[in-house]
Amino acid sequence: MRKQLITDSGNGLSFAANVSLLKDFLKSLPFELTGAQLKVLSEIRKDLASHQTMNRLLQGDVGSGKTIVALISILIVVCNGYQAVLMAPTEILAISILKIYLLL
């Protein structure tokens, strides 16, 4: 009930996606996103654009692209003047994230 109350309150922030920046970022990647990744990014963009608090769990197999989806979501938030954080559980993942960050 508490989760529903928070979701329905409409007190969340709204983040507009800079489409040209996102396209440039996607072009800079050495791979293309899968259909599933693009689908979930579309859903996340809709969530971020609404004024409802987002409560989302992104899950998938190892190597399914969860990190890049999270990074693109973070990019949307940062481009709107806010801060974001991504916790990386392994050194390899942290190094990969740093390499992607340096592409920005």
C-alpha atoms as a PDB file:
ATOM      1  CA  MET A   1       0.000   0.000   0.000  1.00  0.00           C
ATOM      2  CA  ARG A   2       2.880   2.342   0.821  1.00  0.00           C
ATOM      3  CA  LYS A   3       4.479   1.697  -2.590  1.00  0.00           C
ATOM      4  CA  GLN A   4       1.185   2.444  -4.354  1.00  0.00           C
ATOM      5  CA  LEU A   5       0.745   5.645  -2.342  1.00  0.00           C
ATOM      6  CA  ILE A   6       4.214   6.856  -3.365  1.00  0.00           C
ATOM      7  CA  THR A   7       3.646   5.910  -7.005  1.00  0.00           C
ATOM      8  CA  ASP A   8       0.262   7.628  -7.161  1.00  0.00           C
ATOM      9  CA  SER A   9       1.412  10.806  -5.407  1.00  0.00           C
ATOM     10  CA  GLY A  10       2.758  12.399  -8.600  1.00  0.00           C
ATOM     11  CA  ASN A  11       5.571  14.038  -6.618  1.00  0.00           C
ATOM     12  CA  GLY A  12       8.384  12.638  -8.755  1.00  0.00           C
ATOM     13  CA  LEU A  13      10.694  14.622 -10.990  1.00  0.00           C
ATOM     14  CA  SER A  14      10.318  14.726 -14.757  1.00  0.00           C
ATOM     15  CA  PHE A  15      13.386  14.259 -16.967  1.00  0.00           C
ATOM     16  CA  ALA A  16      13.361  15.090 -20.670  1.00  0.00           C
ATOM     17  CA  ALA A  17      15.634  13.016 -22.887  1.00  0.00           C
ATOM     18  CA  ASN A  18      18.033  14.870 -25.173  1.00  0.00           C
ATOM     19  CA  VAL A  19      17.361  12.734 -28.231  1.00  0.00           C
ATOM     20  CA  SER A  20      20.266  14.035 -30.315  1.00  0.00           C
ATOM     21  CA  LEU A  21      22.737  13.422 -27.473  1.00  0.00           C
ATOM     22  CA  LEU A  22      21.353   9.915 -26.941  1.00  0.00           C
ATOM     23  CA  LYS A  23      21.679   9.158 -30.662  1.00  0.00           C
ATOM     24  CA  ASP A  24      25.273  10.427 -30.654  1.00  0.00           C
ATOM     25  CA  PHE A  25      26.053   8.313 -27.601  1.00  0.00           C
ATOM     26  CA  LEU A  26      24.540   5.202 -29.176  1.00  0.00           C
ATOM     27  CA  LYS A  27      26.533   5.817 -32.376  1.00  0.00           C
ATOM     28  CA  SER A  28      29.736   6.018 -30.313  1.00  0.00           C
ATOM     29  CA  LEU A  29      29.240   2.519 -28.928  1.00  0.00           C
ATOM     30  CA  PRO A  30      31.139  -0.323 -30.609  1.00  0.00           C
ATOM     31  CA  PHE A  31      27.902  -2.344 -30.795  1.00  0.00           C
ATOM     32  CA  GLU A  32      24.196  -1.847 -31.449  1.00  0.00           C
ATOM     33  CA  LEU A  33      21.563  -2.251 -28.786  1.00  0.00           C
ATOM     34  CA  THR A  34      19.236  -5.232 -29.059  1.00  0.00           C
ATOM     35  CA  GLY A  35      15.509  -4.929 -29.557  1.00  0.00           C
ATOM     36  CA  ALA A  36      14.911  -5.844 -25.922  1.00  0.00           C
ATOM     37  CA  GLN A  37      17.352  -3.163 -24.731  1.00  0.00           C
ATOM     38  CA  LEU A  38      15.695  -0.531 -26.922  1.00  0.00           C
ATOM     39  CA  LYS A  39      12.271  -1.596 -25.656  1.00  0.00           C
ATOM     40  CA  VAL A  40      13.192  -1.275 -21.993  1.00  0.00           C
ATOM     41  CA  LEU A  41      14.942   2.048 -22.660  1.00  0.00           C
ATOM     42  CA  SER A  42      11.737   3.328 -24.220  1.00  0.00           C
ATOM     43  CA  GLU A  43       9.814   2.259 -21.115  1.00  0.00           C
ATOM     44  CA  ILE A  44      12.380   3.886 -18.821  1.00  0.00           C
ATOM     45  CA  ARG A  45      12.274   7.120 -20.864  1.00  0.00           C
ATOM     46  CA  LYS A  46       8.496   7.213 -20.415  1.00  0.00           C
ATOM     47  CA  ASP A  47       8.900   6.626 -16.678  1.00  0.00           C
ATOM     48  CA  LEU A  48      11.521   9.372 -16.404  1.00  0.00           C
ATOM     49  CA  ALA A  49       9.370  11.823 -18.377  1.00  0.00           C
ATOM     50  CA  SER A  50       6.367  11.330 -16.093  1.00  0.00           C
ATOM     51  CA  HIS A  51       5.959  12.993 -12.720  1.00  0.00           C
ATOM     52  CA  GLN A  52       5.471   9.653 -10.988  1.00  0.00           C
ATOM     53  CA  THR A  53       8.240   8.192  -8.873  1.00  0.00           C
ATOM     54  CA  MET A  54       9.913   5.394 -10.816  1.00  0.00           C
ATOM     55  CA  ASN A  55      10.361   2.061  -9.084  1.00  0.00           C
ATOM     56  CA  ARG A  56      11.882  -0.361 -11.570  1.00  0.00           C
ATOM     57  CA  LEU A  57      13.973  -3.517 -11.370  1.00  0.00           C
ATOM     58  CA  LEU A  58      16.137  -4.239 -14.402  1.00  0.00           C
ATOM     59  CA  GLN A  59      17.088  -7.873 -14.492  1.00  0.00           C
ATOM     60  CA  GLY A  60      18.637 -10.186 -17.035  1.00  0.00           C
ATOM     61  CA  ASP A  61      21.322 -12.762 -17.641  1.00  0.00           C
ATOM     62  CA  VAL A  62      25.005 -11.930 -17.407  1.00  0.00           C
ATOM     63  CA  GLY A  63      25.973 -10.082 -20.555  1.00  0.00           C
ATOM     64  CA  SER A  64      22.412  -9.128 -21.470  1.00  0.00           C
ATOM     65  CA  GLY A  65      23.154  -5.392 -21.451  1.00  0.00           C
ATOM     66  CA  LYS A  66      21.767  -4.243 -18.115  1.00  0.00           C
ATOM     67  CA  THR A  67      24.726  -1.944 -17.524  1.00  0.00           C
ATOM     68  CA  ILE A  68      24.430  -0.030 -20.796  1.00  0.00           C
ATOM     69  CA  VAL A  69      20.694   0.421 -20.226  1.00  0.00           C
ATOM     70  CA  ALA A  70      21.436   1.769 -16.747  1.00  0.00           C
ATOM     71  CA  LEU A  71      24.149   4.087 -18.102  1.00  0.00           C
ATOM     72  CA  ILE A  72      21.838   5.531 -20.750  1.00  0.00           C
ATOM     73  CA  SER A  73      19.210   6.106 -18.060  1.00  0.00           C
ATOM     74  CA  ILE A  74      21.838   7.869 -15.965  1.00  0.00           C
ATOM     75  CA  LEU A  75      22.801   9.974 -18.986  1.00  0.00           C
ATOM     76  CA  ILE A  76      19.214  11.231 -19.235  1.00  0.00           C
ATOM     77  CA  VAL A  77      19.180  12.186 -15.563  1.00  0.00           C
ATOM     78  CA  VAL A  78      22.595  13.899 -15.652  1.00  0.00           C
ATOM     79  CA  CYS A  79      21.654  15.883 -18.772  1.00  0.00           C
ATOM     80  CA  ASN A  80      18.773  17.308 -16.751  1.00  0.00           C
ATOM     81  CA  GLY A  81      21.145  18.707 -14.135  1.00  0.00           C
ATOM     82  CA  TYR A  82      20.821  15.966 -11.531  1.00  0.00           C
ATOM     83  CA  GLN A  83      23.245  13.436 -10.116  1.00  0.00           C
ATOM     84  CA  ALA A  84      23.042   9.681 -10.444  1.00  0.00           C
ATOM     85  CA  VAL A  85      25.032   6.749  -9.168  1.00  0.00           C
ATOM     86  CA  LEU A  86      25.642   3.247 -10.444  1.00  0.00           C
ATOM     87  CA  MET A  87      26.999   0.656  -8.081  1.00  0.00           C
ATOM     88  CA  ALA A  88      29.318  -1.828  -9.793  1.00  0.00           C
ATOM     89  CA  PRO A  89      29.792  -5.119  -7.936  1.00  0.00           C
ATOM     90  CA  THR A  90      33.001  -6.167  -9.699  1.00  0.00           C
ATOM     91  CA  GLU A  91      36.258  -4.559 -10.769  1.00  0.00           C
ATOM     92  CA  ILE A  92      35.752  -5.693 -14.367  1.00  0.00           C
ATOM     93  CA  LEU A  93      32.325  -4.058 -14.521  1.00  0.00           C
ATOM     94  CA  ALA A  94      33.682  -0.885 -12.908  1.00  0.00           C
ATOM     95  CA  ILE A  95      36.466  -0.655 -15.507  1.00  0.00           C
ATOM     96  CA  SER A  96      33.953  -1.190 -18.324  1.00  0.00           C
ATOM     97  CA  ILE A  97      31.760   1.593 -16.951  1.00  0.00           C
ATOM     98  CA  LEU A  98      34.768   3.908 -16.743  1.00  0.00           C
ATOM     99  CA  LYS A  99      35.646   3.185 -20.384  1.00  0.00           C
ATOM    100  CA  ILE A 100      32.079   4.020 -21.467  1.00  0.00           C
ATOM    101  CA  TYR A 101      32.164   7.186 -19.339  1.00  0.00           C
ATOM    102  CA  LEU A 102      35.360   8.285 -21.066  1.00  0.00           C
ATOM    103  CA  LEU A 103      33.547   8.034 -24.416  1.00  0.00           C
ATOM    104  CA  LEU A 104      31.282  10.848 -23.243  1.00  0.00           C
END
